[in-house]
Protein backbone atom coordinates (compact mmCIF):
# COMPACT_ATOMS: atom_id res chain seq x y z
CA UNK A 1 228.24 132.92 60.86
CA UNK A 2 228.92 131.82 64.63
CA UNK A 3 228.08 128.36 63.75
CA UNK A 4 230.34 128.37 60.70
CA UNK A 5 232.88 129.63 63.01
CA UNK A 6 232.45 126.84 65.48
CA UNK A 7 232.49 124.27 62.89
CA UNK A 8 235.95 125.95 61.80
CA UNK A 9 237.31 125.74 65.02
CA UNK A 10 238.14 122.04 64.50
CA UNK A 11 240.78 122.91 61.89
CA UNK A 12 243.99 124.71 61.89
CA UNK A 13 243.39 128.35 60.89
CA UNK A 14 245.08 129.62 57.90
CA UNK A 15 247.18 132.56 58.85
CA UNK A 16 246.47 136.16 57.79
CA UNK A 17 249.33 136.68 54.90
CA UNK A 18 249.69 139.08 52.21
CA UNK A 19 248.87 137.23 48.68
CA UNK A 20 251.56 136.92 46.01
CA UNK A 21 251.04 137.88 42.59
CA UNK A 22 251.83 136.32 39.22
CA UNK A 23 251.59 137.90 35.98
CA UNK A 24 249.14 136.78 33.13
CA UNK A 25 248.54 138.04 29.70
CA UNK A 26 250.81 140.31 27.39
CA UNK A 27 250.69 144.05 26.81
CA UNK A 28 247.28 145.88 27.56
CA UNK A 29 245.84 142.33 28.59
CA UNK A 30 248.40 141.84 31.27
CA UNK A 31 246.69 141.18 34.70
CA UNK A 32 248.23 140.71 38.21
CA UNK A 33 246.74 137.81 39.80
CA UNK A 34 246.62 137.79 43.37
CA UNK A 35 247.24 134.31 45.00
CA UNK A 36 247.47 132.61 48.49
CA UNK A 37 249.29 129.28 48.27
CA UNK A 38 249.62 127.22 51.42
CA UNK A 39 252.71 124.89 50.70
CA UNK A 40 252.11 121.31 50.98
CA UNK A 41 254.46 119.27 53.35
CA UNK A 42 257.74 117.80 51.74
CA UNK A 43 256.57 114.18 52.16
CA UNK A 44 253.16 114.68 50.33
CA UNK A 45 252.58 117.02 47.46
CA UNK A 46 248.67 116.80 47.42
CA UNK A 47 246.91 120.02 47.05
CA UNK A 48 243.51 121.71 46.88
CA UNK A 49 242.87 124.22 43.97
CA UNK A 50 240.08 126.56 44.60
CA UNK A 51 237.95 128.03 41.95
CA UNK A 52 235.70 130.85 42.96
CA UNK A 53 232.38 132.09 41.81
CA UNK A 54 231.23 135.07 39.73
CA UNK A 55 231.84 138.34 42.07
CA UNK A 56 233.33 136.38 44.96
CA UNK A 57 236.86 135.93 45.89
CA UNK A 58 239.55 133.80 47.80
CA UNK A 59 238.57 134.79 51.12
CA UNK A 60 235.09 133.60 50.93
CA UNK A 61 233.21 131.50 53.67
CA UNK A 62 233.66 128.39 51.50
CA UNK A 63 237.07 129.31 50.51
CA UNK A 64 238.61 129.92 53.63
CA UNK A 65 236.72 126.69 55.11
CA UNK A 66 238.34 124.41 52.30
CA UNK A 67 241.87 126.29 53.09
CA UNK A 68 241.57 125.69 56.85
CA UNK A 69 240.33 122.05 55.93
CA UNK A 70 243.45 121.72 54.08
CA UNK A 71 246.09 122.79 56.91
CA UNK A 72 244.58 120.65 59.28
CA UNK A 73 245.00 117.88 57.30
CA UNK A 74 248.40 118.28 56.00
CA UNK A 75 247.52 119.21 52.62
CA UNK A 76 248.40 122.12 50.35
CA UNK A 77 245.99 124.84 49.14
CA UNK A 78 245.91 127.04 46.40
CA UNK A 79 243.60 129.67 45.93
CA UNK A 80 243.17 133.06 44.08
CA UNK A 81 241.25 135.86 42.81
CA UNK A 82 240.12 136.31 39.17
CA UNK A 83 241.14 139.64 37.59
CA UNK A 84 238.60 142.30 38.28
CA UNK A 85 237.63 140.49 41.68
CA UNK A 86 239.21 140.48 45.18
CA UNK A 87 242.50 141.61 45.34
CA UNK A 88 243.58 141.00 41.67
CA UNK A 89 244.08 143.95 39.03
CA UNK A 90 241.43 145.03 36.65
CA UNK A 91 237.89 145.81 36.32
CA UNK A 92 234.83 143.30 36.46
CA UNK A 93 233.46 144.96 33.43
CA UNK A 94 236.88 143.83 31.63
CA UNK A 95 236.58 140.24 32.54
CA UNK A 96 235.84 137.59 30.00
CA UNK A 97 235.59 133.51 30.22
CA UNK A 98 238.74 133.27 28.34
CA UNK A 99 240.86 135.72 30.50
CA UNK A 100 239.57 133.88 33.54
CA UNK A 101 240.28 130.42 32.10
CA UNK A 102 243.87 131.66 30.93
CA UNK A 103 244.47 133.09 34.77
CA UNK A 104 243.22 129.48 36.38
CA UNK A 105 245.69 127.38 34.03
CA UNK A 106 248.57 129.91 34.57
CA UNK A 107 248.22 129.66 38.42
CA UNK A 108 247.66 125.89 38.18
CA UNK A 109 250.82 125.64 36.21
CA UNK A 110 253.30 127.80 37.94
CA UNK A 111 252.03 127.84 41.59
CA UNK A 112 250.81 124.28 42.25
CA UNK A 113 252.76 120.95 42.47
CA UNK A 114 251.81 117.24 42.73
CA UNK A 115 247.94 116.17 42.14
CA UNK A 116 245.51 118.41 42.91
CA UNK A 117 241.88 118.10 43.93
CA UNK A 118 240.09 120.98 42.00
CA UNK A 119 237.12 122.63 43.98
CA UNK A 120 235.14 124.93 41.86
CA UNK A 121 232.02 127.04 42.97
CA UNK A 122 229.63 128.47 40.78
CA UNK A 123 231.38 130.21 37.98
CA UNK A 124 234.40 128.35 39.37
CA UNK A 125 232.65 125.00 38.41
CA UNK A 126 232.14 126.11 34.80
CA UNK A 127 236.05 126.96 34.64
CA UNK A 128 237.05 123.81 36.14
CA UNK A 129 235.36 121.92 33.53
CA UNK A 130 236.99 124.16 30.80
CA UNK A 131 240.64 123.41 32.50
CA UNK A 132 239.94 119.95 32.34
CA UNK A 133 238.64 119.85 28.71
CA UNK A 134 241.44 121.97 27.56
CA UNK A 135 244.28 120.00 29.48
CA UNK A 136 242.51 116.60 28.24
CA UNK A 137 243.04 117.76 24.84
CA UNK A 138 246.19 119.69 24.80
CA UNK A 139 248.41 118.70 27.79
CA UNK A 140 248.03 115.30 29.18
CA UNK A 141 250.71 115.56 31.72
CA UNK A 142 248.90 118.54 33.45
CA UNK A 143 245.61 116.98 33.24
CA UNK A 144 246.96 114.13 35.17
CA UNK A 145 247.81 116.36 37.69
CA UNK A 146 244.00 116.67 38.18
CA UNK A 147 242.87 113.93 40.42
CA UNK A 148 239.57 114.65 41.15
CA UNK A 149 237.06 117.54 41.08
CA UNK A 150 234.28 118.85 43.29
CA UNK A 151 231.96 121.06 41.72
CA UNK A 152 229.41 122.90 43.70
CA UNK A 153 226.52 124.62 42.09
CA UNK A 154 228.47 124.41 38.80
CA UNK A 155 227.28 127.37 36.53
CA UNK A 156 228.46 125.73 33.20
CA UNK A 157 227.94 127.87 30.16
CA UNK A 158 226.49 130.31 32.42
CA UNK A 159 227.06 133.51 30.15
CA UNK A 160 224.81 131.83 27.70
CA UNK A 161 222.56 129.26 29.70
CA UNK A 162 221.97 131.40 32.78
CA UNK A 163 222.65 135.09 31.39
CA UNK A 164 221.69 135.61 27.95
CA UNK A 165 219.12 132.94 27.65
CA UNK A 166 217.45 134.63 31.05
CA UNK A 167 217.73 138.19 29.78
CA UNK A 168 214.38 140.06 28.63
CA UNK A 169 214.32 141.48 25.33
CA UNK A 170 214.72 145.15 27.24
CA UNK A 171 218.04 144.04 28.92
CA UNK A 172 219.48 142.51 25.63
CA UNK A 173 218.31 145.97 23.93
CA UNK A 174 220.28 147.63 26.77
CA UNK A 175 223.59 145.20 26.35
CA UNK A 176 223.46 145.97 22.62
CA UNK A 177 223.19 149.74 23.00
CA UNK A 178 225.33 150.34 25.96
CA UNK A 179 227.55 147.24 26.29
CA UNK A 180 226.64 146.67 29.93
CA UNK A 181 223.51 145.47 31.89
CA UNK A 182 223.11 145.29 35.60
CA UNK A 183 221.26 142.65 37.53
CA UNK A 184 220.54 142.59 41.27
CA UNK A 185 222.14 140.22 43.40
CA UNK A 186 221.04 138.84 46.85
CA UNK A 187 225.37 139.01 47.97
CA UNK A 188 225.91 142.69 47.30
CA UNK A 189 226.65 144.92 44.54
CA UNK A 190 224.61 144.14 41.33
CA UNK A 191 226.07 142.07 38.87
CA UNK A 192 227.61 143.86 35.75
CA UNK A 193 227.07 141.91 32.70
CA UNK A 194 228.86 142.81 29.63
CA UNK A 195 228.11 142.39 25.57
CA UNK A 196 232.00 141.46 25.80
CA UNK A 197 231.24 138.82 28.38
CA UNK A 198 228.67 137.14 26.53
CA UNK A 199 229.82 137.53 23.02
CA UNK A 200 233.42 136.09 24.08
CA UNK A 201 231.71 133.67 26.16
CA UNK A 202 230.22 131.79 23.19
CA UNK A 203 233.97 130.69 22.30
CA UNK A 204 234.08 128.63 25.89
CA UNK A 205 231.08 126.60 25.89
CA UNK A 206 230.88 123.04 26.53
CA UNK A 207 227.62 122.88 24.31
CA UNK A 208 226.31 119.64 25.94
CA UNK A 209 228.76 117.89 24.05
CA UNK A 210 230.06 114.48 26.00
CA UNK A 211 232.96 115.41 28.51
CA UNK A 212 234.52 111.98 29.80
CA UNK A 213 236.49 113.52 32.80
CA UNK A 214 238.01 110.27 33.70
CA UNK A 215 238.64 110.86 37.21
CA UNK A 216 236.39 111.44 40.11
CA UNK A 217 233.87 114.05 40.20
CA UNK A 218 231.12 115.05 42.73
CA UNK A 219 228.57 117.64 42.25
CA UNK A 220 227.13 119.20 45.18
CA UNK A 221 223.79 121.34 44.47
CA UNK A 222 221.13 122.83 46.54
CA UNK A 223 217.60 122.31 45.72
CA UNK A 224 216.65 125.65 46.75
CA UNK A 225 219.22 127.49 44.39
CA UNK A 226 217.56 130.36 42.46
CA UNK A 227 220.83 131.60 40.71
CA UNK A 228 222.14 128.05 39.39
CA UNK A 229 218.44 125.81 38.91
CA UNK A 230 218.57 122.32 40.02
CA UNK A 231 217.75 121.44 36.56
CA UNK A 232 220.75 123.13 35.00
CA UNK A 233 222.77 120.78 37.18
CA UNK A 234 221.25 117.73 36.50
CA UNK A 235 221.31 118.44 32.84
CA UNK A 236 225.12 118.58 33.29
CA UNK A 237 225.09 114.91 33.89
CA UNK A 238 223.48 113.99 30.45
CA UNK A 239 226.75 114.97 28.97
CA UNK A 240 229.40 114.63 31.67
CA UNK A 241 229.91 110.89 31.47
CA UNK A 242 231.85 108.45 33.68
CA UNK A 243 231.11 105.64 36.31
CA UNK A 244 233.21 108.07 38.97
CA UNK A 245 230.50 111.16 38.48
CA UNK A 246 228.06 111.67 41.59
CA UNK A 247 225.58 113.91 42.16
CA UNK A 248 224.65 115.17 46.15
CA UNK A 249 221.57 117.26 46.34
CA UNK A 250 220.91 119.23 49.49
CA UNK A 251 217.32 119.63 49.77
CA UNK A 252 217.02 122.92 51.88
CA UNK A 253 220.35 124.32 50.21
CA UNK A 254 220.69 127.55 48.53
CA UNK A 255 223.08 128.84 46.09
CA UNK A 256 225.98 129.58 48.65
CA UNK A 257 225.84 126.17 50.23
CA UNK A 258 228.05 128.23 53.07
CA UNK A 259 225.59 127.10 56.25
CA UNK A 260 227.36 124.60 58.99
CA UNK A 261 225.43 121.63 57.55
CA UNK A 262 226.45 122.57 53.89
CA UNK A 263 230.04 122.69 54.74
CA UNK A 264 229.90 119.49 56.86
CA UNK A 265 228.66 118.06 53.23
CA UNK A 266 231.83 119.62 51.58
CA UNK A 267 234.12 118.50 54.34
CA UNK A 268 232.98 114.80 54.19
CA UNK A 269 233.40 115.14 49.89
CA UNK A 270 237.01 116.70 50.48
CA UNK A 271 238.04 113.78 52.67
CA UNK A 272 236.30 110.96 50.40
CA UNK A 273 238.26 112.74 47.52
CA UNK A 274 241.46 112.89 49.01
CA UNK A 275 241.25 109.34 50.38
CA UNK A 276 241.26 110.46 54.07
CA UNK A 277 239.99 108.10 56.73
């Protein structure tokens, strides 16, 4: 962490502020979503839109690094906590891909201004691709505000490919009987995987169908990632099509890609995507 802190000293530190909130959903599905918005300067409305991973939050090492980088380069930055995460309302066991996608779209629409570089980490990468797919289909004007995308160990179709298909028969039985199964995590509390998360997630699968992003996409993947295996990310390239789709593999990188050398790679990609010198 000390090395990460030294790297971040090159940037203007984003001040600690209380997050704002936005309500998403109706009735019993209403969630209060906490977000941090670093306003873009008046002469340049570009921004970075951060999408966090499952069981992570908007103040993680990478999220804070991106926010500090944006401030130092006079670029706006928006980050938020999915429901059941961080400072947003709700329980993780009530969360679904559909809810988290709805929250991302609502914050993108109501908070951000101007062209955005979307940066999605792990589950956030899956949500970023679902956002792009939906907006390309339903709202071209909003889709056009997605200028470029960075995916960090993107957990595409994670509920099916990385959860359900990887479950033992014993875990599947437990899930059917109790509605939830817990998996150990290297990053803190065990992951709670619910039957609702798996079943609802099947309504939001990319399902290996061709997706043409029509804007630059860079994918960062650690080759020692045990949570989102390199083969999973390489398979994404078989249906995410376009001349501006690039995969950058980090030979000794793990899932977090939060070491100083990993953040330097991320910094370089942020600058390239934002067309900075």
